[in-house]
Amino acid sequence: MSNCGDPPEHPNATVTLKGKGAARFPLGAKVTYVCPCGYWWNRTNSSGIQSECKGSLGWTIHKDELPTLNCIPIPTTLMCPNPQNGSSVELVGADTFYAECYFPSSIPPPPPRFPGVTLRYRCTSPMYRFSNGTKEVEILCDNKKWIPAIELNCFGPTLKLVQLKEKVPLWEAERICQVNANGSLAIPSSKEELIRIKTFLIQQNLAGNDVGLGGHIPNVTNSEAQTMPEDAVKRLWEGIVGVPIDGWCHISVLKDGSIYQHCLFAYEINNGNGIGLDYVECGRPLAAFLCYENEPILDCPQPQEPPDSYVELETYGKTNFSLGDNATYVRPCWKTWNSSSNPEAPFRTSQCFGSLGWKYKLEDLRTRSEATNYDQCGTPSGRLGNMIQFFHADPDEFCPPLILPRDGDPYTRAVKAPTCTTPNGTYPPGNFSYECGLENFYFSTGDTRLTWTCRDDGEWAPGNVSVACSPLPAITCESPGDENAIAFPDYYLVGSTVYCIHNESFQLPLYCGEDLTWYPMGFTPCMEVYPYFEVENKRFVLGKPREGSFEGNFAAEEYCHEHFNGAGLPELRKRNESDILAASIRRFVNEDFAPLPYSILKHWKEGTLPEEGPYDPENFWEFRDGQPIPHDLFVPAHPNDPENLHCSALRIFDDVGFRDVNCSRQFHWALCHLDVDDSMRFLYSDAPREIVKSGVSSNAC
């Protein structure tokens, strides 16, 4: 057995080889000599003839035989007629039995039509079909006829105008077409289809309604979130949806930097004698939609990859996405979404709306290094949840790592455990709480329950306090009050400070020293004892009446002024100051609100408050010096009830911040700011140095 050498060449034919390698032409190997398209062999009436390797005998078509074989034009009498196709149809290829005649860009007229050739046609519009229901057909030239005998015209789906009594967002249009037409939204995906849609709508009674259409583009902003030029937007619509560039009657300029205008609608022009086309926000309410009857709803493209490396995309294992399917983008808990037009949450779920694509776009999915005031670094609660923010340029500037008790630790139990840390273990702004699980166990502060707050300056409050309970020896001072005294705190550890009303004319802070003695000495017993602390060089006392409660903010203000030598309700101007005070207060009370001095009663009495409609709180809520209270501190409700929510309070737990409250709300205690005026001074002539360390000024005179 032996192999054949290379087959002899023919000057006018192409040799199609079979077999590879050194022994590519073994016994039985075959090659085909193929004539160019439109030609066949003079002796076979076929465009291809085969030659077989016979081993030592060589090829069945010998080189001496090749000169007698010639490729000649196929007689025109044997050809099929020139196929006639409509404007919505394009020729995309031609094949023969032995060869494929490809014309990648265009096939010059007339198309090949010799015996054995197959022509491939397709509809130019994605929604169009041939009469047999397919988007592409093949016809074979056989015995002077094209088989199958099919009209080379494409037809669009039946159009149906659905008009509703109430407007609904354009996002819901695919479902409306599904219910009312058993179909999908009409899409002007080619010039022919746009003309057909406009012609149909002119014949309808639109009653002035804009008509929602299908199709979308993913972005009308560039990488810097700047609006694209009009011609660039038109090219996007042509390239992605198929809307011809010259098909727009008008294309609107984006308003207010909106990034949502990436859907389509049609509208009447020229007094109803014409139809215009514009692009619009997908959430725009409309009452009319143009549908295809009995057409399946298009699938969505693959969800957009997150624009930021921090954001993760969860597709729940899906690779194809149809109407109603979801994809979720999850941001890290120490970041917030760049777009504030949606409710703040750690994740954003984008839904597939068929030809309208995905609801969220790239700009909605960007994050910024700014953390919202979360309870546990999760979803914020309360009205201020998505309003109060702390700026951080980098997660490395968050609070340092803490050693937390293990789950199930019997000594220290989580009341509200932290759920958010950065990859390097730091914490964003927020708070969490732990409590001691065994009797006679305490934190180093002496508390059995304690809240840690990560402040916006990257420091913990309280600072240098480990999250661990341990048994403590008897290192407390005796109660500084007599048996009849109001004693607000129930323990007096070394280092703690209380506020002592010594008698009707003298009051001062007292400090529990390491020798278990109250300093300054000589001022015990006290008639009344209250919690005392300092924040940013301001002194505060938690006061409460001997019996009952305060009837509203003004009673609390009067109590502070009369009980603590001219003190008053605190004026808080910094978010950080409010957080530190709230953390200090939580050590002593469980009530949720502390009265504040701000109100809008003056505006209410003058009748200048809006009863309804737009309301900017900064025009009405003011600090004592008349400066407006900014939105990042206070977002009150609309003052549409003249007897409610016209005073203010500081919320102590959960989402700390200002709240609007009823001016007659009862409070069981009040946070009193000492030294509101300069008339109150105290003498610490014999106070030890520990007082200075504790934060009590030794030079206050």
Foldseek 3Di string as FASTA:
>chain_A
DAFADDADDAPAWDKAFQADDPRRGHAFGKIKTAGPQQWPKPPPPHRIDMWGQHGPVHIPCHPVNRVVIDIDGDDPVQFADQADADPQKFWAFKCAPVGGDGDHPHADPPHRTHARMKIKMFGNFPQWAFPVRHRMDIWGRHRRYTPPPGHRYIDHFDKDKAFAPWWFFLLCQQVVCCVPFVFGFAACQEPVSLVVVWVVQLPDPCVFFKAFGFAWFQWQADPVLHGDDPQVLLVRCCVGRNQHSVQAPDEDDDPPSDTQFTGKIWGADPVSNTIGIYTGGRGDIGRMYMTGHNHYFAWAQDDDDAPDPQKDKAQPPDDTGHFFGKIKIFHALQKWWPDPPDQTFRMDIWGQSGRHHTRDHRNRRDIARKHFAAAQSGQADDPCRSPAIFHDRDLVQAAAAADADDPPDQFKAWPFDHDHADPVRGDHFHKTKIAGRDPQKAWPVRFRIAMWTTFSRRAIVVHPTHRGIDHDDPQWADQQADPQEAAQDPTGHQLFKKWFAQDPVDIGIWHQHRVSATPPPDRGNGNYIWHWDDDPNWIKTKFFDPDDWAQFQVSQQVCLCNVFVGWGADDDQDPRRQQNVLRVCVRRDDDFKAFHDWFQLVCLVVVNADLDDDDDQQVGIAGPVRGGRDRNADDEDRPNDSQWQGGWIFTRDRRTGIYGTGRRDTDRIHMITPCPDVPDFDARPPGDPSCVVSVHDNPGD
